[in-house]
Protein backbone atom coordinates (compact mmCIF):
# COMPACT_ATOMS: atom_id res chain seq x y z
CA UNK A 1 0.00 0.00 0.00
CA UNK A 2 1.54 3.29 -1.09
CA UNK A 3 0.66 6.08 1.28
CA UNK A 4 0.96 9.03 -1.07
CA UNK A 5 -1.43 7.85 -3.80
CA UNK A 6 -4.42 9.59 -2.28
CA UNK A 7 -5.24 12.11 -5.00
CA UNK A 8 -2.53 11.11 -7.40
CA UNK A 9 1.18 11.68 -6.93
CA UNK A 10 1.73 13.80 -3.85
CA UNK A 11 4.18 14.40 -1.05
CA UNK A 12 3.40 12.94 2.38
CA UNK A 13 3.54 15.67 5.03
CA UNK A 14 2.34 13.61 7.98
CA UNK A 15 1.57 9.91 8.43
CA UNK A 16 0.22 8.76 11.77
CA UNK A 17 0.72 6.22 13.26
CA UNK A 18 4.28 6.04 12.05
CA UNK A 19 4.64 2.30 12.61
CA UNK A 20 2.37 -0.71 12.62
CA UNK A 21 4.93 -3.01 14.25
CA UNK A 22 2.97 -2.98 17.52
CA UNK A 23 0.28 -5.09 15.85
CA UNK A 24 2.58 -8.05 15.18
CA UNK A 25 2.26 -9.57 18.66
CA UNK A 26 -1.56 -9.29 19.02
CA UNK A 27 -2.08 -10.68 15.50
CA UNK A 28 0.23 -13.62 16.18
CA UNK A 29 -1.53 -14.29 19.50
CA UNK A 30 -4.99 -14.23 17.89
CA UNK A 31 -3.89 -16.64 15.15
CA UNK A 32 -2.36 -19.03 17.69
CA UNK A 33 -5.34 -18.98 20.07
CA UNK A 34 -7.83 -19.22 17.19
CA UNK A 35 -6.13 -22.27 15.72
CA UNK A 36 -6.33 -24.14 19.04
CA UNK A 37 -9.86 -23.05 19.92
CA UNK A 38 -11.19 -23.89 16.46
CA UNK A 39 -9.44 -27.28 16.43
CA UNK A 40 -11.17 -28.48 19.62
CA UNK A 41 -14.78 -28.23 18.33
CA UNK A 42 -13.70 -29.66 14.96
CA UNK A 43 -12.23 -32.73 16.67
CA UNK A 44 -15.34 -32.95 18.86
CA UNK A 45 -17.58 -32.99 15.77
CA UNK A 46 -15.40 -35.54 13.96
CA UNK A 47 -15.25 -37.89 16.95
CA UNK A 48 -18.88 -37.46 18.02
CA UNK A 49 -20.67 -40.69 18.78
CA UNK A 50 -24.02 -39.07 19.56
CA UNK A 51 -26.05 -36.26 18.05
CA UNK A 52 -25.80 -34.30 21.29
CA UNK A 53 -22.00 -34.33 21.19
CA UNK A 54 -22.02 -33.23 17.54
CA UNK A 55 -24.50 -30.44 18.36
CA UNK A 56 -22.26 -29.19 21.17
CA UNK A 57 -19.28 -29.27 18.81
CA UNK A 58 -21.20 -27.34 16.12
CA UNK A 59 -22.36 -24.80 18.69
CA UNK A 60 -18.82 -24.30 19.98
CA UNK A 61 -17.48 -24.01 16.44
CA UNK A 62 -20.12 -21.40 15.52
CA UNK A 63 -19.35 -19.44 18.71
CA UNK A 64 -15.60 -19.40 18.09
CA UNK A 65 -16.01 -18.49 14.41
CA UNK A 66 -18.25 -15.54 15.37
CA UNK A 67 -15.86 -14.49 18.14
CA UNK A 68 -12.76 -14.56 15.94
CA UNK A 69 -14.58 -12.88 13.05
CA UNK A 70 -15.44 -9.94 15.34
CA UNK A 71 -11.91 -9.89 16.74
CA UNK A 72 -10.44 -9.92 13.22
CA UNK A 73 -12.67 -6.98 12.25
CA UNK A 74 -11.46 -5.03 15.30
CA UNK A 75 -7.81 -5.83 14.55
CA UNK A 76 -8.19 -4.79 10.91
CA UNK A 77 -9.88 -1.57 11.96
CA UNK A 78 -7.19 -0.81 14.53
CA UNK A 79 -4.50 -1.58 11.99
CA UNK A 80 -5.90 0.76 9.33
CA UNK A 81 -7.12 3.64 11.55
CA UNK A 82 -4.79 6.45 10.53
CA UNK A 83 -4.33 10.05 9.45
CA UNK A 84 -2.37 10.90 6.33
CA UNK A 85 -1.66 14.49 5.34
CA UNK A 86 -0.37 15.18 1.84
CA UNK A 87 0.09 18.38 -0.09
CA UNK A 88 -3.45 17.87 -1.49
CA UNK A 89 -5.30 17.32 1.79
CA UNK A 90 -5.95 14.91 4.65
CA UNK A 91 -7.02 11.28 4.45
CA UNK A 92 -8.69 9.93 7.59
CA UNK A 93 -9.20 6.15 7.84
CA UNK A 94 -11.61 5.16 10.60
CA UNK A 95 -14.06 2.53 11.79
CA UNK A 96 -16.05 0.92 10.20
CA UNK A 97 -13.51 0.47 7.41
CA UNK A 98 -14.29 3.97 6.13
CA UNK A 99 -11.90 6.38 4.42
CA UNK A 100 -12.60 10.10 4.26
CA UNK A 101 -10.54 12.39 2.01
CA UNK A 102 -10.69 16.11 2.72
CA UNK A 103 -8.94 18.70 0.55
CA UNK A 104 -7.09 21.50 2.36
CA UNK A 105 -9.48 24.02 0.80
CA UNK A 106 -12.40 22.30 2.60
CA UNK A 107 -10.75 22.62 6.04
CA UNK A 108 -11.53 25.80 7.97
CA UNK A 109 -9.18 24.95 10.85
CA UNK A 110 -7.73 22.09 12.87
CA UNK A 111 -8.57 21.88 16.55
CA UNK A 112 -8.32 19.49 19.51
CA UNK A 113 -11.38 17.80 21.00
CA UNK A 114 -11.80 19.18 24.54
CA UNK A 115 -14.79 17.21 25.83
CA UNK A 116 -16.04 13.66 25.89
CA UNK A 117 -14.41 10.31 25.35
CA UNK A 118 -12.08 11.52 22.57
CA UNK A 119 -10.63 14.47 24.51
CA UNK A 120 -7.27 15.41 23.00
CA UNK A 121 -7.93 13.95 19.54
CA UNK A 122 -7.45 16.05 16.41
CA UNK A 123 -10.59 17.54 14.88
CA UNK A 124 -10.83 18.75 11.29
CA UNK A 125 -13.40 21.57 11.24
CA UNK A 126 -14.67 21.93 7.68
CA UNK A 127 -15.88 25.12 6.02
CA UNK A 128 -19.41 23.64 6.17
CA UNK A 129 -19.18 23.44 9.97
CA UNK A 130 -18.85 19.65 10.02
CA UNK A 131 -16.35 18.29 12.55
CA UNK A 132 -14.34 15.15 11.77
CA UNK A 133 -12.72 13.65 14.87
CA UNK A 134 -9.55 11.75 13.91
CA UNK A 135 -9.70 8.59 16.03
CA UNK A 136 -6.06 7.71 15.31
CA UNK A 137 -4.92 10.78 17.26
CA UNK A 138 -6.90 9.85 20.36
CA UNK A 139 -4.63 9.86 23.46
CA UNK A 140 -5.27 6.17 24.16
CA UNK A 141 -4.02 5.23 20.69
CA UNK A 142 -1.21 7.80 20.71
CA UNK A 143 0.31 6.34 23.89
CA UNK A 144 0.64 3.01 22.03
CA UNK A 145 2.43 4.85 19.21
CA UNK A 146 5.27 6.26 21.27
CA UNK A 147 3.88 9.45 22.80
CA UNK A 148 4.00 9.90 26.55
CA UNK A 149 1.03 11.30 28.48
CA UNK A 150 2.97 14.47 29.28
CA UNK A 151 3.24 15.28 25.57
CA UNK A 152 -0.52 16.02 25.54
CA UNK A 153 -0.25 19.25 27.52
CA UNK A 154 -1.02 22.05 25.11
CA UNK A 155 -1.26 25.83 25.38
CA UNK A 156 -3.38 27.07 28.26
CA UNK A 157 -3.52 23.65 29.95
CA UNK A 158 -5.62 22.17 27.12
CA UNK A 159 -5.32 18.51 26.20
CA UNK A 160 -3.53 18.65 22.87
CA UNK A 161 -2.18 15.77 20.76
CA UNK A 162 1.28 16.27 19.24
CA UNK A 163 -0.25 15.12 15.96
CA UNK A 164 -2.83 17.91 16.23
CA UNK A 165 0.01 20.42 16.40
CA UNK A 166 1.56 18.86 13.27
CA UNK A 167 -1.80 18.98 11.43
CA UNK A 168 -2.26 22.64 12.42
CA UNK A 169 1.23 23.37 11.08
CA UNK A 170 0.46 21.56 7.79
CA UNK A 171 -2.79 23.54 7.42
CA UNK A 172 -1.06 26.85 8.12
CA UNK A 173 1.61 26.05 5.51
CA UNK A 174 -1.11 25.24 2.97
CA UNK A 175 -2.91 28.54 3.75
CA UNK A 176 0.29 30.56 3.35
CA UNK A 177 1.12 28.78 0.07
CA UNK A 178 -2.44 29.24 -1.26
CA UNK A 179 -2.49 33.02 -0.64
CA UNK A 180 -1.78 35.10 -3.71
CA UNK A 181 1.55 36.87 -3.49
CA UNK A 182 1.40 40.65 -3.85
């Protein structure tokens, strides 16, 4: 997957999270546990001597397939949740497997969420008034991507993601480049 092919060839200004290496261990653990927990009901069904035993095996198999399907969806979503800023705009990938592309000209300003569950996350405020909260910049996710909790102290004691500051800087650079020179 090439990051910069959002709107055609472009330069990546900001990619967050910077690494996906943290997902290697949970993915390996899920695969290992799933293989053992799916093998047990399969053996139970194959070795069943009564209908009741086979029914229990089928029930267990259906339960584990549903459980690991949901877990796989959550892992995929966590893996792809990201913010990508290019010289054309911002691409926000969020749950449920949704990608939103916003051109710089559509963004009025970038702010930090100050209330609710996502306090500290970056918010793209569009010229239409719509607010897009970037889940990848949420403090709970950011801590797993190398930022310490102290790095979230912004101006005036506000909760402020370091990625929000980078997005604000990218937006300001786009505004200054878009202004006609006199």
